[in-house]
N, C-alpha and C. Protein backbone atom coordinates (compact mmCIF):
# COMPACT_ATOMS: atom_id res chain seq x y z
N MET A 1 -10.02 -2.71 -12.30
CA MET A 1 -8.91 -3.59 -12.63
C MET A 1 -8.06 -3.78 -11.38
N ALA A 2 -7.74 -5.01 -11.06
CA ALA A 2 -6.94 -5.31 -9.87
C ALA A 2 -5.47 -5.03 -10.13
N LYS A 3 -4.83 -4.47 -9.11
CA LYS A 3 -3.39 -4.24 -9.22
C LYS A 3 -2.66 -5.56 -9.10
N SER A 4 -1.50 -5.67 -9.76
CA SER A 4 -0.69 -6.87 -9.57
C SER A 4 -0.06 -6.80 -8.18
N LYS A 5 0.00 -7.93 -7.53
CA LYS A 5 0.55 -7.97 -6.17
C LYS A 5 2.06 -8.09 -6.23
N ARG A 6 2.71 -7.31 -5.39
CA ARG A 6 4.16 -7.36 -5.30
C ARG A 6 4.53 -7.73 -3.88
N VAL A 7 5.68 -8.33 -3.75
CA VAL A 7 6.20 -8.64 -2.42
C VAL A 7 6.64 -7.33 -1.79
N GLU A 8 6.23 -7.07 -0.58
CA GLU A 8 6.55 -5.81 0.08
C GLU A 8 7.59 -5.95 1.17
N GLY A 9 8.09 -7.15 1.39
CA GLY A 9 9.11 -7.35 2.40
C GLY A 9 9.48 -8.81 2.54
N LEU A 10 10.49 -9.04 3.34
CA LEU A 10 10.98 -10.39 3.58
C LEU A 10 10.49 -10.88 4.94
N LEU A 11 10.17 -12.15 5.02
CA LEU A 11 9.79 -12.78 6.27
C LEU A 11 10.75 -13.93 6.52
N GLY A 12 11.47 -13.86 7.64
CA GLY A 12 12.41 -14.91 8.01
C GLY A 12 11.85 -15.68 9.19
N ILE A 13 11.85 -17.00 9.08
CA ILE A 13 11.35 -17.84 10.16
C ILE A 13 12.43 -18.85 10.53
N GLY A 14 12.88 -18.78 11.78
CA GLY A 14 13.87 -19.73 12.29
C GLY A 14 13.15 -20.84 13.04
N LEU A 15 13.48 -22.07 12.74
CA LEU A 15 12.78 -23.20 13.33
C LEU A 15 13.63 -24.00 14.31
N ASP A 16 14.84 -23.55 14.58
CA ASP A 16 15.73 -24.35 15.42
C ASP A 16 15.85 -23.83 16.85
N GLY A 17 14.98 -22.92 17.27
CA GLY A 17 15.06 -22.37 18.62
C GLY A 17 14.54 -23.37 19.64
N SER A 18 15.35 -23.72 20.61
CA SER A 18 14.92 -24.68 21.63
C SER A 18 15.27 -24.20 23.03
N ASP A 19 15.68 -22.93 23.16
CA ASP A 19 16.11 -22.44 24.46
C ASP A 19 15.02 -21.67 25.20
N GLY A 20 13.80 -21.65 24.65
CA GLY A 20 12.69 -20.98 25.32
C GLY A 20 12.57 -19.50 25.04
N HIS A 21 13.51 -18.92 24.33
CA HIS A 21 13.45 -17.49 24.01
C HIS A 21 12.59 -17.27 22.77
N THR A 22 11.83 -16.18 22.78
CA THR A 22 11.06 -15.78 21.62
C THR A 22 11.79 -14.61 20.98
N ARG A 23 12.30 -14.82 19.80
CA ARG A 23 13.07 -13.79 19.12
C ARG A 23 12.25 -13.21 17.97
N VAL A 24 12.11 -11.89 17.97
CA VAL A 24 11.39 -11.18 16.92
C VAL A 24 12.19 -9.93 16.58
N THR A 25 12.44 -9.72 15.31
CA THR A 25 13.14 -8.52 14.85
C THR A 25 12.34 -7.91 13.71
N LYS A 26 12.08 -6.61 13.80
CA LYS A 26 11.42 -5.87 12.74
C LYS A 26 12.39 -4.85 12.20
N GLY A 27 12.54 -4.81 10.90
CA GLY A 27 13.41 -3.84 10.28
C GLY A 27 12.81 -3.37 8.97
N GLU A 28 13.48 -2.44 8.35
CA GLU A 28 13.01 -1.96 7.06
C GLU A 28 13.03 -3.11 6.07
N ASN A 29 11.90 -3.40 5.51
CA ASN A 29 11.72 -4.44 4.49
C ASN A 29 11.77 -5.87 5.02
N PHE A 30 11.81 -6.07 6.33
CA PHE A 30 11.85 -7.45 6.82
C PHE A 30 11.26 -7.61 8.22
N ARG A 31 10.83 -8.83 8.49
CA ARG A 31 10.39 -9.28 9.81
C ARG A 31 11.01 -10.66 10.02
N LEU A 32 11.58 -10.87 11.20
CA LEU A 32 12.21 -12.14 11.53
C LEU A 32 11.60 -12.69 12.80
N VAL A 33 11.35 -13.99 12.81
CA VAL A 33 10.73 -14.63 13.96
C VAL A 33 11.42 -15.95 14.22
N GLY A 34 11.71 -16.20 15.51
CA GLY A 34 12.18 -17.50 15.93
C GLY A 34 13.64 -17.77 15.66
N GLY A 35 13.98 -19.02 15.84
CA GLY A 35 15.34 -19.49 15.62
C GLY A 35 16.18 -19.42 16.88
N SER A 36 17.27 -20.15 16.85
CA SER A 36 18.26 -20.06 17.92
C SER A 36 18.92 -18.69 17.85
N GLN A 37 19.69 -18.35 18.84
CA GLN A 37 20.38 -17.05 18.83
C GLN A 37 21.26 -16.95 17.58
N GLU A 38 21.98 -18.01 17.28
CA GLU A 38 22.87 -18.01 16.11
C GLU A 38 22.08 -17.84 14.80
N THR A 39 21.00 -18.59 14.66
CA THR A 39 20.19 -18.51 13.44
C THR A 39 19.57 -17.12 13.29
N HIS A 40 19.03 -16.60 14.38
CA HIS A 40 18.38 -15.29 14.32
C HIS A 40 19.39 -14.20 13.95
N GLU A 41 20.58 -14.26 14.53
CA GLU A 41 21.62 -13.28 14.18
C GLU A 41 22.03 -13.40 12.73
N ARG A 42 22.10 -14.62 12.22
CA ARG A 42 22.46 -14.82 10.81
C ARG A 42 21.38 -14.22 9.90
N MET A 43 20.10 -14.43 10.26
CA MET A 43 19.02 -13.83 9.47
C MET A 43 19.10 -12.31 9.52
N GLN A 44 19.40 -11.74 10.68
CA GLN A 44 19.53 -10.29 10.80
C GLN A 44 20.64 -9.78 9.89
N ASP A 45 21.79 -10.43 9.94
CA ASP A 45 22.92 -10.01 9.09
C ASP A 45 22.56 -10.07 7.61
N GLN A 46 21.89 -11.13 7.21
CA GLN A 46 21.51 -11.27 5.80
C GLN A 46 20.56 -10.16 5.38
N CYS A 47 19.60 -9.83 6.23
CA CYS A 47 18.63 -8.78 5.89
C CYS A 47 19.29 -7.41 5.85
N ILE A 48 20.22 -7.17 6.76
CA ILE A 48 20.95 -5.90 6.74
C ILE A 48 21.76 -5.77 5.46
N ARG A 49 22.46 -6.84 5.06
CA ARG A 49 23.22 -6.81 3.81
C ARG A 49 22.29 -6.61 2.62
N PHE A 50 21.14 -7.28 2.65
CA PHE A 50 20.16 -7.14 1.57
C PHE A 50 19.75 -5.67 1.43
N ASN A 51 19.40 -5.04 2.55
CA ASN A 51 18.99 -3.63 2.51
C ASN A 51 20.11 -2.72 2.03
N GLU A 52 21.34 -3.01 2.42
CA GLU A 52 22.47 -2.20 1.95
C GLU A 52 22.62 -2.31 0.45
N LYS A 53 22.52 -3.53 -0.08
CA LYS A 53 22.64 -3.73 -1.53
C LYS A 53 21.46 -3.10 -2.27
N LEU A 54 20.28 -3.18 -1.67
CA LEU A 54 19.10 -2.58 -2.27
C LEU A 54 19.25 -1.06 -2.33
N GLN A 55 19.76 -0.48 -1.26
CA GLN A 55 19.97 0.97 -1.21
C GLN A 55 20.95 1.41 -2.30
N LYS A 56 21.99 0.63 -2.54
CA LYS A 56 22.96 0.97 -3.58
C LYS A 56 22.31 0.98 -4.96
N ARG A 57 21.28 0.15 -5.14
CA ARG A 57 20.56 0.13 -6.42
C ARG A 57 19.63 1.32 -6.56
N GLY A 58 19.33 1.97 -5.45
CA GLY A 58 18.47 3.15 -5.48
C GLY A 58 17.03 2.85 -5.85
N LYS A 59 16.57 1.69 -5.42
CA LYS A 59 15.23 1.26 -5.79
C LYS A 59 14.48 0.81 -4.54
N PRO A 60 13.21 1.22 -4.38
CA PRO A 60 12.43 0.72 -3.25
C PRO A 60 12.15 -0.77 -3.39
N PHE A 61 11.99 -1.44 -2.25
CA PHE A 61 11.76 -2.88 -2.26
C PHE A 61 10.57 -3.25 -3.16
N GLY A 62 9.49 -2.52 -3.04
CA GLY A 62 8.27 -2.82 -3.79
C GLY A 62 8.40 -2.70 -5.29
N GLU A 63 9.48 -2.09 -5.77
CA GLU A 63 9.68 -1.94 -7.21
C GLU A 63 10.66 -2.96 -7.79
N LEU A 64 11.15 -3.87 -6.96
CA LEU A 64 12.07 -4.89 -7.46
C LEU A 64 11.34 -5.86 -8.38
N GLU A 65 11.97 -6.18 -9.46
CA GLU A 65 11.46 -7.24 -10.32
C GLU A 65 11.83 -8.58 -9.69
N ARG A 66 11.11 -9.59 -10.06
CA ARG A 66 11.31 -10.94 -9.50
C ARG A 66 12.78 -11.39 -9.61
N ASN A 67 13.38 -11.20 -10.76
CA ASN A 67 14.77 -11.63 -10.95
C ASN A 67 15.74 -10.82 -10.10
N GLU A 68 15.45 -9.53 -9.90
CA GLU A 68 16.31 -8.70 -9.05
C GLU A 68 16.23 -9.17 -7.59
N LEU A 69 15.03 -9.51 -7.15
CA LEU A 69 14.84 -10.01 -5.80
C LEU A 69 15.65 -11.29 -5.60
N HIS A 70 15.57 -12.20 -6.55
CA HIS A 70 16.33 -13.45 -6.47
C HIS A 70 17.84 -13.19 -6.48
N ASP A 71 18.29 -12.29 -7.33
CA ASP A 71 19.72 -11.97 -7.40
C ASP A 71 20.24 -11.40 -6.09
N LEU A 72 19.51 -10.44 -5.53
CA LEU A 72 19.92 -9.84 -4.25
C LEU A 72 19.94 -10.88 -3.13
N ALA A 73 18.92 -11.70 -3.09
CA ALA A 73 18.85 -12.74 -2.05
C ALA A 73 20.03 -13.70 -2.19
N ALA A 74 20.36 -14.08 -3.41
CA ALA A 74 21.48 -14.99 -3.62
C ALA A 74 22.80 -14.35 -3.19
N GLU A 75 22.97 -13.06 -3.47
CA GLU A 75 24.18 -12.36 -3.06
C GLU A 75 24.33 -12.34 -1.55
N CYS A 76 23.21 -12.39 -0.83
CA CYS A 76 23.22 -12.35 0.63
C CYS A 76 23.09 -13.74 1.24
N GLN A 77 23.18 -14.76 0.41
CA GLN A 77 23.12 -16.17 0.82
C GLN A 77 21.83 -16.49 1.58
N MET A 78 20.72 -15.95 1.06
CA MET A 78 19.40 -16.21 1.64
C MET A 78 18.76 -17.37 0.92
N ASN A 79 17.98 -18.15 1.66
CA ASN A 79 17.14 -19.18 1.06
C ASN A 79 15.79 -18.53 0.80
N LEU A 80 15.57 -18.13 -0.42
CA LEU A 80 14.39 -17.36 -0.77
C LEU A 80 13.34 -18.25 -1.42
N VAL A 81 12.12 -18.13 -0.93
CA VAL A 81 10.99 -18.82 -1.53
C VAL A 81 9.97 -17.76 -1.90
N VAL A 82 9.71 -17.63 -3.19
CA VAL A 82 8.73 -16.66 -3.67
C VAL A 82 7.67 -17.44 -4.44
N PRO A 83 6.41 -17.30 -4.03
CA PRO A 83 5.36 -18.03 -4.75
C PRO A 83 5.31 -17.62 -6.22
N ALA A 84 5.00 -18.57 -7.06
CA ALA A 84 4.84 -18.27 -8.49
C ALA A 84 3.63 -17.38 -8.68
N PRO A 85 3.70 -16.49 -9.67
CA PRO A 85 2.53 -15.63 -9.93
C PRO A 85 1.34 -16.49 -10.33
N LYS A 86 0.15 -16.06 -9.92
CA LYS A 86 -1.06 -16.79 -10.27
C LYS A 86 -1.36 -16.56 -11.74
N GLU A 87 -1.77 -17.63 -12.40
CA GLU A 87 -2.16 -17.52 -13.81
C GLU A 87 -3.59 -17.04 -13.89
N ARG A 88 -3.87 -16.28 -14.89
CA ARG A 88 -5.23 -15.74 -15.07
C ARG A 88 -5.96 -16.53 -16.10
């Protein structure tokens, strides 16, 4: 029996970088790539806040329910896109 797939982290992609710098940040529960300095810093701040709020809930990222993930992302003003579960 196949296990149900869960999201194991956040991926942030900044598309407005035009200064030639390659920005990559790896943190607990997230990876960030690209963007202008301002955009990349904003993504970092959002992910840090997300992790702080997650820690207060006392729950590992992989155990978040879909609605909890959306709620936390909204609290951190993230634009979250989560693929719909595949129908069987």
